Amino acid sequence: MVGLTIDGFPVLVINVGGTPHAFADACPHLGTPLSQGALRAGVLTCATHQWQFDAQTGCGINPLSAYLEPIPLKIQGDDILLDLENVKEMRNHRTKIDA
């Protein structure tokens, strides 16, 4: 699990069972970087309030109503290419979730 900043946008790249996944590196609750949390058995846990997400889908486990903003990616040779255009646009309209 690694947190990166690409063009000013925080990105979380994780490896789940050999498959890479990417999400915005911000918990939807308070915006805490998810890269500061933990990844165990396919569950991503935020360090601030222990919110949990399915690391493959980004769907909330606790709370169920939460979700992570996925970032489309593709593998090209040894490179992981991320498509940030739609994600940046969605970020401008995102609101934090209260549980």
Protein backbone atom coordinates (compact mmCIF):
# COMPACT_ATOMS: atom_id res chain seq x y z
CA MET A 1 0.00 0.00 0.00
CA VAL A 2 1.42 3.35 -1.02
CA GLY A 3 0.12 6.90 -0.96
CA LEU A 4 1.21 9.20 -3.79
CA THR A 5 0.46 12.70 -4.96
CA ILE A 6 -0.02 13.02 -8.71
CA ASP A 7 -0.70 16.48 -10.15
CA GLY A 8 -1.69 17.60 -6.64
CA PHE A 9 -4.18 14.76 -6.24
CA PRO A 10 -3.73 12.22 -3.42
CA VAL A 11 -3.75 8.64 -4.72
CA LEU A 12 -3.70 5.31 -2.86
CA VAL A 13 -2.39 2.28 -4.77
CA ILE A 14 -2.85 -1.11 -3.15
CA ASN A 15 -2.11 -4.69 -4.12
CA VAL A 16 -4.83 -7.19 -3.27
CA GLY A 17 -3.94 -10.77 -4.16
CA GLY A 18 -1.58 -9.65 -6.93
CA THR A 19 -4.06 -7.22 -8.49
CA PRO A 20 -3.48 -3.47 -8.16
CA HIS A 21 -6.32 -1.14 -7.23
CA ALA A 22 -6.31 2.64 -6.90
CA PHE A 23 -8.49 5.01 -4.92
CA ALA A 24 -8.39 8.62 -3.83
CA ASP A 25 -6.16 8.65 -0.75
CA ALA A 26 -8.80 10.22 1.47
CA CYS A 27 -11.34 8.65 3.79
CA PRO A 28 -14.82 9.92 2.88
CA HIS A 29 -15.47 10.64 6.57
CA LEU A 30 -12.87 13.30 7.42
CA GLY A 31 -10.42 13.13 4.53
CA THR A 32 -7.69 11.32 6.49
CA PRO A 33 -5.16 9.74 4.11
CA LEU A 34 -6.03 6.06 3.88
CA SER A 35 -2.35 5.33 3.29
CA GLN A 36 -1.91 6.05 7.02
CA GLY A 37 -4.28 3.19 7.83
CA ALA A 38 -3.95 -0.57 7.55
CA LEU A 39 -4.55 -3.18 4.86
CA ARG A 40 -5.23 -6.67 6.21
CA ALA A 41 -6.98 -9.62 4.56
CA GLY A 42 -8.45 -7.43 1.83
CA VAL A 43 -9.85 -4.86 4.27
CA LEU A 44 -8.62 -1.28 4.26
CA THR A 45 -9.02 0.47 7.63
CA CYS A 46 -8.80 4.23 8.17
CA ALA A 47 -6.46 5.25 10.98
CA THR A 48 -8.70 8.02 12.33
CA HIS A 49 -12.01 6.35 13.21
CA GLN A 50 -11.48 2.77 12.00
CA TRP A 51 -13.84 3.02 9.03
CA GLN A 52 -13.37 -0.10 6.88
CA PHE A 53 -13.59 -0.72 3.15
CA ASP A 54 -13.35 -3.69 0.81
CA ALA A 55 -9.93 -3.09 -0.74
CA GLN A 56 -10.96 -4.53 -4.12
CA THR A 57 -14.23 -2.66 -4.63
CA GLY A 58 -14.00 0.33 -2.29
CA CYS A 59 -17.42 -0.55 -0.83
CA GLY A 60 -17.92 0.30 2.81
CA ILE A 61 -17.85 -2.46 5.41
CA ASN A 62 -18.18 -0.18 8.42
CA PRO A 63 -20.25 1.84 7.74
CA LEU A 64 -21.98 0.19 4.81
CA SER A 65 -23.06 3.58 3.41
CA ALA A 66 -19.47 4.70 2.81
CA TYR A 67 -17.50 4.09 -0.37
CA LEU A 68 -14.12 4.96 -1.80
CA GLU A 69 -13.59 6.87 -4.99
CA PRO A 70 -12.00 4.36 -7.41
CA ILE A 71 -9.39 5.46 -9.91
CA PRO A 72 -9.36 3.54 -13.20
CA LEU A 73 -6.00 1.95 -13.94
CA LYS A 74 -4.34 -0.29 -16.45
CA ILE A 75 -1.07 -2.15 -16.52
CA GLN A 76 1.28 -1.41 -19.40
CA GLY A 77 4.48 -3.41 -19.16
CA ASP A 78 5.92 -2.63 -15.73
CA ASP A 79 3.92 0.58 -15.38
CA ILE A 80 0.60 1.25 -13.67
CA LEU A 81 -1.28 3.96 -15.56
CA LEU A 82 -3.95 5.92 -13.69
CA ASP A 83 -6.82 7.88 -15.25
CA LEU A 84 -7.35 10.85 -12.93
CA GLU A 85 -9.46 13.10 -15.16
CA ASN A 86 -12.96 12.00 -14.07
CA VAL A 87 -11.83 11.54 -10.47
CA LYS A 88 -10.58 15.13 -10.22
CA GLU A 89 -13.91 16.35 -11.58
CA MET A 90 -15.88 14.24 -9.08
CA ARG A 91 -13.66 15.46 -6.22
CA ASN A 92 -14.92 19.01 -6.72
CA HIS A 93 -18.47 17.81 -6.00
CA ARG A 94 -17.68 15.38 -3.14
CA THR A 95 -19.03 15.92 0.33
CA LYS A 96 -17.94 14.22 3.51
CA ILE A 97 -20.18 11.48 4.91
CA ASP A 98 -21.44 11.48 8.47
CA ALA A 99 -22.14 8.16 10.15
